[in-house]
């Protein structure tokens, strides 16, 4: 039997210059914990090419977009709240209108 082919998005997550993530970061139940983990990973990474904030936000957005319809409404809401938590953690204003 052939080895299971990785999805391109998994390959990007594992091998891109974005940053090294803690395993299971996106599966955590708390938006605050997701944001804190992403912030820590972004600040510690020597593989990122932009600011820690942009790297963390890009990785979160990438995950949300790649998961697409596979995310439940509750899960998507948690991940969207993690964006606001990231903004707070980096001293930026949360998006208006939420």
N, C-alpha and C. Protein backbone atom coordinates (compact mmCIF):
# COMPACT_ATOMS: atom_id res chain seq x y z
N UNK A 1 0.84 -1.18 0.00
CA UNK A 1 0.00 0.00 0.00
C UNK A 1 0.89 1.25 0.00
N UNK A 2 0.53 2.21 -0.80
CA UNK A 2 1.32 3.43 -0.92
C UNK A 2 1.18 4.29 0.34
N UNK A 3 2.24 5.02 0.62
CA UNK A 3 2.23 5.95 1.75
C UNK A 3 1.18 7.03 1.49
N UNK A 4 0.41 7.37 2.50
CA UNK A 4 -0.64 8.38 2.36
C UNK A 4 0.00 9.72 1.99
N UNK A 5 -0.53 10.32 0.92
CA UNK A 5 -0.03 11.60 0.44
C UNK A 5 -0.49 12.72 1.38
N UNK A 6 0.43 13.60 1.71
CA UNK A 6 0.09 14.76 2.54
C UNK A 6 -0.66 15.78 1.70
N UNK A 7 -1.56 16.48 2.37
CA UNK A 7 -2.22 17.59 1.71
C UNK A 7 -1.22 18.73 1.60
N UNK A 8 -1.34 19.54 0.55
CA UNK A 8 -0.38 20.62 0.36
C UNK A 8 -0.42 21.58 1.54
N UNK A 9 -1.61 21.76 2.14
CA UNK A 9 -1.70 22.70 3.27
C UNK A 9 -0.94 22.17 4.49
N UNK A 10 -0.94 20.86 4.67
CA UNK A 10 -0.16 20.26 5.76
C UNK A 10 1.32 20.47 5.50
N UNK A 11 1.72 20.32 4.26
CA UNK A 11 3.12 20.53 3.90
C UNK A 11 3.53 21.98 4.15
N UNK A 12 2.66 22.92 3.79
CA UNK A 12 2.95 24.33 4.03
C UNK A 12 3.11 24.58 5.52
N UNK A 13 2.18 24.05 6.31
CA UNK A 13 2.21 24.26 7.76
C UNK A 13 3.49 23.70 8.37
N UNK A 14 3.92 22.55 7.89
CA UNK A 14 5.09 21.89 8.47
C UNK A 14 6.42 22.42 7.95
N UNK A 15 6.45 22.89 6.70
CA UNK A 15 7.73 23.20 6.08
C UNK A 15 7.90 24.62 5.57
N UNK A 16 6.94 25.47 5.80
CA UNK A 16 7.06 26.84 5.30
C UNK A 16 8.02 27.65 6.15
N UNK A 17 8.29 28.85 5.68
CA UNK A 17 9.12 29.77 6.46
C UNK A 17 8.28 30.56 7.46
N UNK A 18 7.03 30.17 7.62
CA UNK A 18 6.14 30.93 8.51
C UNK A 18 6.64 30.88 9.95
N UNK A 19 6.55 29.72 10.59
CA UNK A 19 7.03 29.57 11.97
C UNK A 19 6.73 28.17 12.44
N UNK A 20 7.34 27.80 13.53
CA UNK A 20 7.10 26.50 14.14
C UNK A 20 5.96 26.63 15.14
N UNK A 21 4.96 25.76 14.99
CA UNK A 21 3.80 25.81 15.86
C UNK A 21 3.81 24.68 16.88
N UNK A 22 3.23 24.96 18.02
CA UNK A 22 3.03 23.93 19.03
C UNK A 22 1.98 22.96 18.49
N UNK A 23 2.22 21.67 18.63
CA UNK A 23 1.29 20.68 18.12
C UNK A 23 -0.09 20.85 18.77
N UNK A 24 -1.12 20.81 17.96
CA UNK A 24 -2.49 20.92 18.44
C UNK A 24 -2.94 22.32 18.79
N UNK A 25 -2.18 23.33 18.39
CA UNK A 25 -2.52 24.71 18.77
C UNK A 25 -3.94 25.09 18.35
N UNK A 26 -4.35 24.66 17.17
CA UNK A 26 -5.67 25.06 16.67
C UNK A 26 -6.80 24.22 17.24
N UNK A 27 -6.47 23.18 17.95
CA UNK A 27 -7.48 22.31 18.56
C UNK A 27 -7.83 22.72 19.99
N UNK A 28 -7.10 23.67 20.53
CA UNK A 28 -7.37 24.14 21.89
C UNK A 28 -8.75 24.77 21.95
N UNK A 29 -9.42 24.65 23.09
CA UNK A 29 -10.78 25.14 23.22
C UNK A 29 -10.91 26.63 23.48
N UNK A 30 -9.86 27.26 23.93
CA UNK A 30 -9.90 28.66 24.31
C UNK A 30 -9.23 29.54 23.26
N UNK A 31 -9.95 30.58 22.84
CA UNK A 31 -9.39 31.54 21.88
C UNK A 31 -8.15 32.19 22.47
N UNK A 32 -8.18 32.49 23.76
CA UNK A 32 -7.04 33.13 24.43
C UNK A 32 -5.80 32.22 24.40
N UNK A 33 -5.99 30.92 24.65
CA UNK A 33 -4.86 29.98 24.62
C UNK A 33 -4.29 29.83 23.22
N UNK A 34 -5.17 29.81 22.22
CA UNK A 34 -4.71 29.72 20.83
C UNK A 34 -3.85 30.94 20.52
N UNK A 35 -4.36 32.12 20.87
CA UNK A 35 -3.63 33.36 20.59
C UNK A 35 -2.29 33.39 21.33
N UNK A 36 -2.28 33.00 22.59
CA UNK A 36 -1.03 33.01 23.36
C UNK A 36 0.00 32.06 22.75
N UNK A 37 -0.46 30.88 22.31
CA UNK A 37 0.45 29.92 21.71
C UNK A 37 1.02 30.45 20.39
N UNK A 38 0.15 31.04 19.57
CA UNK A 38 0.61 31.61 18.30
C UNK A 38 1.58 32.75 18.53
N UNK A 39 1.29 33.60 19.49
CA UNK A 39 2.19 34.72 19.81
C UNK A 39 3.55 34.21 20.24
N UNK A 40 3.55 33.22 21.13
CA UNK A 40 4.81 32.65 21.61
C UNK A 40 5.60 32.04 20.44
N UNK A 41 4.92 31.26 19.60
CA UNK A 41 5.59 30.62 18.47
C UNK A 41 6.16 31.67 17.51
N UNK A 42 5.39 32.72 17.26
CA UNK A 42 5.84 33.76 16.32
C UNK A 42 7.05 34.50 16.87
N UNK A 43 7.04 34.79 18.16
CA UNK A 43 8.15 35.53 18.74
C UNK A 43 9.41 34.68 18.85
N UNK A 44 9.25 33.39 19.01
CA UNK A 44 10.41 32.50 19.16
C UNK A 44 10.96 32.00 17.82
N UNK A 45 10.17 32.07 16.78
CA UNK A 45 10.56 31.48 15.50
C UNK A 45 11.69 32.25 14.83
N UNK A 46 12.61 31.49 14.26
CA UNK A 46 13.66 32.12 13.46
C UNK A 46 13.40 31.86 11.97
N UNK A 47 12.22 31.28 11.66
CA UNK A 47 11.88 30.99 10.27
C UNK A 47 10.91 32.01 9.67
N UNK A 48 10.36 32.89 10.47
CA UNK A 48 9.37 33.83 9.93
C UNK A 48 10.07 34.94 9.14
N UNK A 49 9.32 35.49 8.20
CA UNK A 49 9.88 36.55 7.35
C UNK A 49 9.31 37.93 7.65
N UNK A 50 8.23 37.99 8.42
CA UNK A 50 7.64 39.29 8.75
C UNK A 50 7.55 39.43 10.27
N UNK A 51 6.85 40.45 10.73
CA UNK A 51 6.74 40.69 12.16
C UNK A 51 6.04 39.52 12.86
N UNK A 52 6.29 39.35 14.15
CA UNK A 52 5.60 38.28 14.89
C UNK A 52 4.08 38.38 14.77
N UNK A 53 3.53 39.59 14.87
CA UNK A 53 2.08 39.75 14.76
C UNK A 53 1.58 39.26 13.41
N UNK A 54 2.19 39.73 12.34
CA UNK A 54 1.76 39.33 10.99
C UNK A 54 1.91 37.84 10.77
N UNK A 55 2.99 37.26 11.27
CA UNK A 55 3.19 35.82 11.10
C UNK A 55 2.12 35.02 11.83
N UNK A 56 1.84 35.41 13.07
CA UNK A 56 0.83 34.70 13.86
C UNK A 56 -0.55 34.84 13.23
N UNK A 57 -0.91 36.05 12.83
CA UNK A 57 -2.23 36.28 12.23
C UNK A 57 -2.34 35.55 10.89
N UNK A 58 -1.28 35.54 10.13
CA UNK A 58 -1.30 34.85 8.84
C UNK A 58 -1.50 33.35 9.02
N UNK A 59 -0.84 32.78 10.00
CA UNK A 59 -0.97 31.35 10.22
C UNK A 59 -2.39 31.00 10.68
N UNK A 60 -2.97 31.81 11.53
CA UNK A 60 -4.34 31.59 11.99
C UNK A 60 -5.32 31.71 10.82
N UNK A 61 -5.17 32.75 10.03
CA UNK A 61 -6.05 32.94 8.87
C UNK A 61 -5.88 31.81 7.87
N UNK A 62 -4.66 31.40 7.64
CA UNK A 62 -4.38 30.28 6.74
C UNK A 62 -5.12 29.03 7.21
N UNK A 63 -5.04 28.74 8.50
CA UNK A 63 -5.71 27.55 9.05
C UNK A 63 -7.22 27.64 8.87
N UNK A 64 -7.79 28.79 9.19
CA UNK A 64 -9.25 28.97 9.04
C UNK A 64 -9.66 28.78 7.59
N UNK A 65 -8.93 29.40 6.68
CA UNK A 65 -9.27 29.29 5.26
C UNK A 65 -9.12 27.88 4.73
N UNK A 66 -8.09 27.18 5.16
CA UNK A 66 -7.86 25.82 4.67
C UNK A 66 -8.89 24.85 5.25
N UNK A 67 -9.31 25.06 6.47
CA UNK A 67 -10.30 24.16 7.07
C UNK A 67 -11.67 24.37 6.44
N UNK A 68 -11.96 25.60 6.04
CA UNK A 68 -13.18 25.90 5.31
C UNK A 68 -14.44 25.36 5.95
N UNK A 69 -15.20 24.64 5.15
CA UNK A 69 -16.49 24.10 5.59
C UNK A 69 -16.34 22.97 6.60
N UNK A 70 -15.14 22.50 6.82
CA UNK A 70 -14.92 21.42 7.79
C UNK A 70 -15.07 21.92 9.22
N UNK A 71 -14.99 23.23 9.42
CA UNK A 71 -15.11 23.80 10.76
C UNK A 71 -16.58 23.96 11.14
N UNK A 72 -16.90 23.58 12.35
CA UNK A 72 -18.25 23.85 12.85
C UNK A 72 -18.36 25.35 13.12
N UNK A 73 -19.57 25.85 13.23
CA UNK A 73 -19.76 27.28 13.53
C UNK A 73 -19.09 27.63 14.85
N UNK A 74 -19.24 26.77 15.84
CA UNK A 74 -18.64 27.03 17.16
C UNK A 74 -17.11 27.11 17.07
N UNK A 75 -16.52 26.19 16.31
CA UNK A 75 -15.06 26.15 16.17
C UNK A 75 -14.57 27.39 15.43
N UNK A 76 -15.27 27.73 14.34
CA UNK A 76 -14.90 28.91 13.57
C UNK A 76 -14.99 30.16 14.44
N UNK A 77 -16.06 30.27 15.24
CA UNK A 77 -16.22 31.41 16.14
C UNK A 77 -15.05 31.51 17.12
N UNK A 78 -14.63 30.36 17.67
CA UNK A 78 -13.49 30.35 18.59
C UNK A 78 -12.22 30.85 17.89
N UNK A 79 -12.00 30.37 16.67
CA UNK A 79 -10.81 30.78 15.93
C UNK A 79 -10.87 32.26 15.54
N UNK A 80 -12.06 32.74 15.20
CA UNK A 80 -12.20 34.17 14.89
C UNK A 80 -11.95 35.01 16.14
N UNK A 81 -12.41 34.55 17.30
CA UNK A 81 -12.14 35.26 18.55
C UNK A 81 -10.65 35.26 18.86
N UNK A 82 -9.95 34.19 18.44
CA UNK A 82 -8.50 34.12 18.65
C UNK A 82 -7.80 35.26 17.90
N UNK A 83 -8.36 35.69 16.77
CA UNK A 83 -7.79 36.83 16.05
C UNK A 83 -7.82 38.08 16.92
N UNK A 84 -8.98 38.32 17.57
CA UNK A 84 -9.08 39.49 18.45
C UNK A 84 -8.14 39.36 19.64
N UNK A 85 -8.01 38.16 20.18
CA UNK A 85 -7.08 37.93 21.29
C UNK A 85 -5.64 38.21 20.86
N UNK A 86 -5.31 37.79 19.64
CA UNK A 86 -3.96 38.07 19.11
C UNK A 86 -3.73 39.57 19.02
N UNK A 87 -4.73 40.27 18.50
CA UNK A 87 -4.59 41.73 18.39
C UNK A 87 -4.35 42.33 19.76
N UNK A 88 -5.11 41.90 20.77
CA UNK A 88 -4.93 42.41 22.14
C UNK A 88 -3.53 42.08 22.65
N UNK A 89 -3.11 40.81 22.44
CA UNK A 89 -1.80 40.38 22.94
C UNK A 89 -0.66 41.18 22.34
N UNK A 90 -0.85 41.66 21.12
CA UNK A 90 0.18 42.47 20.46
C UNK A 90 -0.06 43.96 20.61
N UNK A 91 -1.02 44.34 21.49
CA UNK A 91 -1.27 45.74 21.76
C UNK A 91 -1.96 46.48 20.63
N UNK A 92 -2.76 45.77 19.87
CA UNK A 92 -3.50 46.39 18.77
C UNK A 92 -4.99 46.36 19.09
N UNK A 93 -5.72 47.21 18.43
CA UNK A 93 -7.17 47.31 18.66
C UNK A 93 -7.88 46.15 17.97
N UNK A 94 -8.86 45.53 18.67
CA UNK A 94 -9.68 44.52 17.99
C UNK A 94 -10.45 45.16 16.84
N UNK A 95 -10.79 44.35 15.85
CA UNK A 95 -11.56 44.85 14.70
C UNK A 95 -12.90 45.40 15.18
N UNK A 96 -13.33 46.47 14.59
CA UNK A 96 -14.62 47.08 14.94
C UNK A 96 -15.75 46.29 14.28
N UNK A 97 -16.93 46.37 14.87
CA UNK A 97 -18.11 45.77 14.26
C UNK A 97 -18.30 44.30 14.55
N UNK A 98 -17.63 43.78 15.56
CA UNK A 98 -17.80 42.37 15.89
C UNK A 98 -18.61 42.21 17.12
